[in-house]
N, C-alpha and C. Protein backbone atom coordinates (compact mmCIF):
# COMPACT_ATOMS: atom_id res chain seq x y z
N MET A 1 -30.10 -43.95 -42.74
CA MET A 1 -29.19 -44.10 -42.48
C MET A 1 -28.25 -44.91 -41.94
N LEU A 2 -28.88 -45.97 -42.12
CA LEU A 2 -28.64 -47.39 -41.72
C LEU A 2 -27.60 -48.30 -43.89
N ASP A 3 -28.15 -47.55 -44.20
CA ASP A 3 -28.03 -47.91 -45.67
C ASP A 3 -26.64 -47.27 -46.02
N SER A 4 -26.58 -45.99 -45.53
CA SER A 4 -25.44 -45.79 -45.55
C SER A 4 -23.79 -46.49 -45.05
N ILE A 5 -24.51 -46.60 -43.64
CA ILE A 5 -23.40 -47.18 -42.63
C ILE A 5 -23.21 -48.91 -43.48
N VAL A 6 -23.64 -49.51 -43.96
CA VAL A 6 -23.79 -50.89 -44.70
C VAL A 6 -23.14 -50.93 -45.63
N PHE A 7 -23.28 -49.79 -46.45
CA PHE A 7 -22.72 -49.45 -48.09
C PHE A 7 -21.23 -49.29 -47.55
N GLU A 8 -20.59 -48.66 -46.31
CA GLU A 8 -19.45 -48.05 -46.21
C GLU A 8 -18.69 -49.42 -45.20
N GLN A 9 -19.08 -50.52 -44.93
CA GLN A 9 -18.66 -50.79 -44.37
C GLN A 9 -18.38 -52.07 -45.38
N GLN A 10 -19.02 -52.45 -46.88
CA GLN A 10 -19.02 -53.25 -47.89
C GLN A 10 -17.84 -51.90 -48.91
N GLY A 11 -17.32 -50.99 -48.33
CA GLY A 11 -16.49 -50.17 -49.22
C GLY A 11 -17.00 -49.12 -50.06
N ILE A 12 -17.95 -49.48 -49.87
CA ILE A 12 -18.86 -48.61 -50.71
C ILE A 12 -18.97 -47.18 -50.46
N PRO A 13 -18.78 -45.62 -50.88
CA PRO A 13 -18.96 -45.00 -50.59
C PRO A 13 -20.58 -44.41 -50.52
N SER A 14 -20.59 -43.51 -49.29
CA SER A 14 -21.78 -43.58 -49.54
C SER A 14 -22.18 -41.69 -48.21
N ALA A 15 -23.62 -41.22 -48.42
CA ALA A 15 -23.43 -40.15 -46.98
C ALA A 15 -24.55 -40.20 -47.01
N SER A 16 -24.85 -39.82 -45.57
CA SER A 16 -26.08 -39.62 -44.92
C SER A 16 -26.48 -38.39 -44.61
N ILE A 17 -27.57 -37.99 -44.63
CA ILE A 17 -28.35 -36.55 -44.83
C ILE A 17 -29.20 -37.16 -43.31
N ILE A 18 -28.86 -36.14 -42.28
CA ILE A 18 -30.11 -36.02 -41.49
C ILE A 18 -30.18 -34.40 -40.69
N THR A 19 -31.42 -34.86 -40.35
CA THR A 19 -31.86 -33.51 -39.60
C THR A 19 -31.35 -32.83 -38.18
N ASP A 20 -30.45 -31.75 -37.18
CA ASP A 20 -30.07 -31.77 -36.58
C ASP A 20 -30.20 -32.44 -35.51
N VAL A 21 -31.66 -32.44 -34.86
CA VAL A 21 -31.73 -32.97 -33.65
C VAL A 21 -32.06 -34.53 -33.41
N PHE A 22 -31.91 -34.77 -35.10
CA PHE A 22 -31.51 -36.57 -34.63
C PHE A 22 -29.74 -37.19 -35.01
N GLN A 23 -28.59 -35.73 -34.23
CA GLN A 23 -27.58 -36.49 -33.95
C GLN A 23 -27.38 -37.71 -33.08
N ALA A 24 -27.55 -37.21 -31.94
CA ALA A 24 -27.47 -38.29 -31.14
C ALA A 24 -27.89 -39.12 -31.27
N THR A 25 -29.18 -39.73 -32.28
CA THR A 25 -29.62 -40.75 -32.46
C THR A 25 -29.09 -41.34 -33.55
N GLY A 26 -27.84 -40.68 -34.54
CA GLY A 26 -27.17 -40.57 -36.02
C GLY A 26 -25.86 -41.50 -34.69
N ARG A 27 -25.04 -41.06 -34.32
CA ARG A 27 -23.91 -41.15 -33.54
C ARG A 27 -24.18 -42.29 -33.14
N ALA A 28 -25.93 -42.54 -32.07
CA ALA A 28 -25.58 -44.53 -31.36
C ALA A 28 -25.83 -45.46 -32.04
N MET A 29 -26.62 -44.72 -33.44
CA MET A 29 -26.90 -45.82 -34.78
C MET A 29 -25.65 -46.19 -35.25
N ALA A 30 -24.92 -45.09 -35.56
CA ALA A 30 -22.83 -45.69 -36.36
C ALA A 30 -22.20 -46.60 -35.12
N ARG A 31 -22.06 -46.06 -33.49
CA ARG A 31 -21.64 -46.92 -32.42
C ARG A 31 -22.12 -48.32 -33.04
N SER A 32 -23.15 -48.31 -32.79
CA SER A 32 -23.83 -50.00 -32.81
C SER A 32 -23.78 -50.77 -33.65
N TRP A 33 -23.46 -50.35 -34.83
CA TRP A 33 -22.93 -51.24 -35.81
C TRP A 33 -21.58 -50.75 -36.12
N GLY A 34 -20.97 -50.56 -35.35
CA GLY A 34 -19.64 -50.49 -35.38
C GLY A 34 -18.86 -49.58 -35.85
N LEU A 35 -19.57 -48.57 -35.86
CA LEU A 35 -18.75 -47.24 -36.63
C LEU A 35 -18.50 -46.38 -36.06
N PRO A 36 -17.96 -46.16 -35.13
CA PRO A 36 -18.29 -44.52 -34.19
C PRO A 36 -17.85 -44.13 -34.61
N ASN A 37 -16.83 -43.46 -35.69
CA ASN A 37 -16.71 -42.47 -36.12
C ASN A 37 -17.16 -42.54 -37.14
N PHE A 38 -18.14 -43.04 -37.61
CA PHE A 38 -19.19 -42.81 -39.12
C PHE A 38 -19.50 -40.94 -38.76
N ARG A 39 -19.65 -40.96 -40.20
CA ARG A 39 -19.44 -38.91 -40.25
C ARG A 39 -20.89 -38.89 -41.58
N PHE A 40 -21.68 -37.96 -40.98
CA PHE A 40 -22.78 -37.77 -41.67
C PHE A 40 -23.25 -36.15 -41.35
N VAL A 41 -23.77 -35.47 -43.12
CA VAL A 41 -23.98 -34.43 -43.36
C VAL A 41 -25.39 -34.53 -42.62
N MET A 42 -25.46 -32.72 -41.30
CA MET A 42 -26.50 -32.35 -40.83
C MET A 42 -27.12 -31.29 -41.85
N MET A 43 -28.55 -31.71 -41.69
CA MET A 43 -29.18 -30.02 -42.26
C MET A 43 -29.97 -29.57 -40.66
N PRO A 44 -30.28 -27.68 -40.66
CA PRO A 44 -31.57 -27.80 -39.90
C PRO A 44 -32.74 -28.59 -39.81
N HIS A 45 -33.14 -28.76 -38.86
CA HIS A 45 -34.89 -28.88 -38.58
C HIS A 45 -35.67 -27.98 -38.11
N PRO A 46 -36.79 -27.87 -38.87
CA PRO A 46 -37.46 -28.96 -39.63
C PRO A 46 -37.55 -28.96 -41.15
N ILE A 47 -37.78 -29.95 -41.55
CA ILE A 47 -37.70 -29.45 -43.30
C ILE A 47 -39.29 -30.10 -43.97
N ALA A 48 -40.34 -30.73 -42.54
CA ALA A 48 -41.39 -31.37 -43.53
C ALA A 48 -42.38 -29.98 -43.52
N ASN A 49 -42.06 -28.43 -43.49
CA ASN A 49 -42.87 -27.58 -43.58
C ASN A 49 -42.06 -26.90 -44.85
N LEU A 50 -41.11 -26.82 -45.45
CA LEU A 50 -40.60 -26.11 -46.12
C LEU A 50 -40.78 -26.49 -47.64
N ASN A 51 -40.86 -25.41 -48.53
CA ASN A 51 -41.49 -25.17 -49.54
C ASN A 51 -40.07 -25.99 -50.94
N GLU A 52 -40.77 -26.21 -51.77
CA GLU A 52 -40.22 -26.64 -53.20
C GLU A 52 -38.34 -25.39 -53.32
N GLU A 53 -38.45 -24.61 -52.68
CA GLU A 53 -37.89 -23.30 -52.92
C GLU A 53 -36.49 -23.26 -51.79
N GLN A 54 -37.30 -23.61 -50.83
CA GLN A 54 -36.61 -23.44 -49.89
C GLN A 54 -35.77 -25.26 -49.14
N LEU A 55 -36.40 -25.93 -50.11
CA LEU A 55 -36.03 -26.97 -49.84
C LEU A 55 -35.13 -27.21 -50.85
N ASP A 56 -34.56 -26.67 -52.01
CA ASP A 56 -33.98 -26.29 -53.16
C ASP A 56 -32.81 -25.81 -52.53
N GLN A 57 -32.75 -24.81 -51.78
CA GLN A 57 -31.23 -24.38 -51.37
C GLN A 57 -30.90 -24.99 -49.92
N ARG A 58 -31.83 -25.40 -49.27
CA ARG A 58 -31.02 -26.24 -48.55
C ARG A 58 -30.18 -27.15 -49.01
N ALA A 59 -30.49 -28.00 -50.34
CA ALA A 59 -29.73 -28.84 -51.15
C ALA A 59 -28.67 -28.00 -51.74
N ARG A 60 -28.66 -27.06 -51.58
CA ARG A 60 -27.88 -26.55 -52.18
C ARG A 60 -26.75 -25.46 -51.31
N GLU A 61 -27.04 -26.11 -50.34
CA GLU A 61 -25.74 -25.19 -48.77
C GLU A 61 -25.23 -26.75 -48.42
N ILE A 62 -25.75 -27.95 -48.69
CA ILE A 62 -24.64 -29.22 -48.25
C ILE A 62 -25.03 -29.97 -49.29
N ALA A 63 -24.60 -29.16 -50.51
CA ALA A 63 -24.44 -30.46 -51.41
C ALA A 63 -23.07 -30.55 -51.38
N PRO A 64 -22.05 -29.29 -51.30
CA PRO A 64 -20.41 -29.48 -50.62
C PRO A 64 -20.17 -29.92 -49.85
N LYS A 65 -21.05 -30.52 -48.97
CA LYS A 65 -20.07 -31.31 -47.77
C LYS A 65 -20.46 -32.86 -47.96
N VAL A 66 -21.59 -33.35 -49.16
CA VAL A 66 -21.95 -34.36 -49.73
C VAL A 66 -21.03 -35.10 -50.71
N ILE A 67 -20.68 -33.62 -51.64
CA ILE A 67 -19.77 -34.05 -52.07
C ILE A 67 -17.85 -34.50 -51.50
N GLU A 68 -17.57 -33.73 -50.22
CA GLU A 68 -16.65 -33.53 -49.69
C GLU A 68 -16.77 -34.98 -48.56
N LEU A 69 -17.91 -35.66 -48.44
CA LEU A 69 -17.84 -36.66 -47.86
C LEU A 69 -17.57 -37.85 -48.61
N LEU A 70 -18.06 -37.69 -49.42
CA LEU A 70 -17.90 -39.38 -50.66
C LEU A 70 -16.36 -39.01 -51.20
N ARG A 71 -16.00 -38.04 -51.18
CA ARG A 71 -14.57 -37.98 -51.65
C ARG A 71 -13.64 -38.45 -50.68
N GLU A 72 -14.15 -37.88 -49.29
CA GLU A 72 -12.94 -38.17 -48.58
C GLU A 72 -12.91 -39.74 -47.71
N GLY A 73 -14.48 -40.00 -47.98
CA GLY A 73 -14.75 -41.67 -47.70
C GLY A 73 -14.78 -41.45 -45.91
N GLN A 74 -15.12 -43.00 -45.24
CA GLN A 74 -15.43 -42.76 -44.04
C GLN A 74 -14.10 -42.93 -43.53
N ALA A 75 -14.02 -42.54 -42.54
CA ALA A 75 -12.73 -43.08 -41.30
C ALA A 75 -12.61 -44.34 -40.77
N ASP A 76 -13.14 -45.37 -40.89
CA ASP A 76 -13.10 -46.16 -39.66
C ASP A 76 -12.78 -47.44 -41.28
């Protein structure tokens, strides 16, 4: 997620994808790096036990959110 924060600070659109259990951590990281309104895409946790087909399905489900985030840019 830090890579996306740094890119956004440099004016380069980016999108971070995290699992939902890391939401509080992601928000804290964004605040600590000066982007309290930094947005990211969340997907259900866990992903480590998913097979390739299940991961592909998750990717298809979140792809529109990633595209939207990249098009809109960050609020800060």
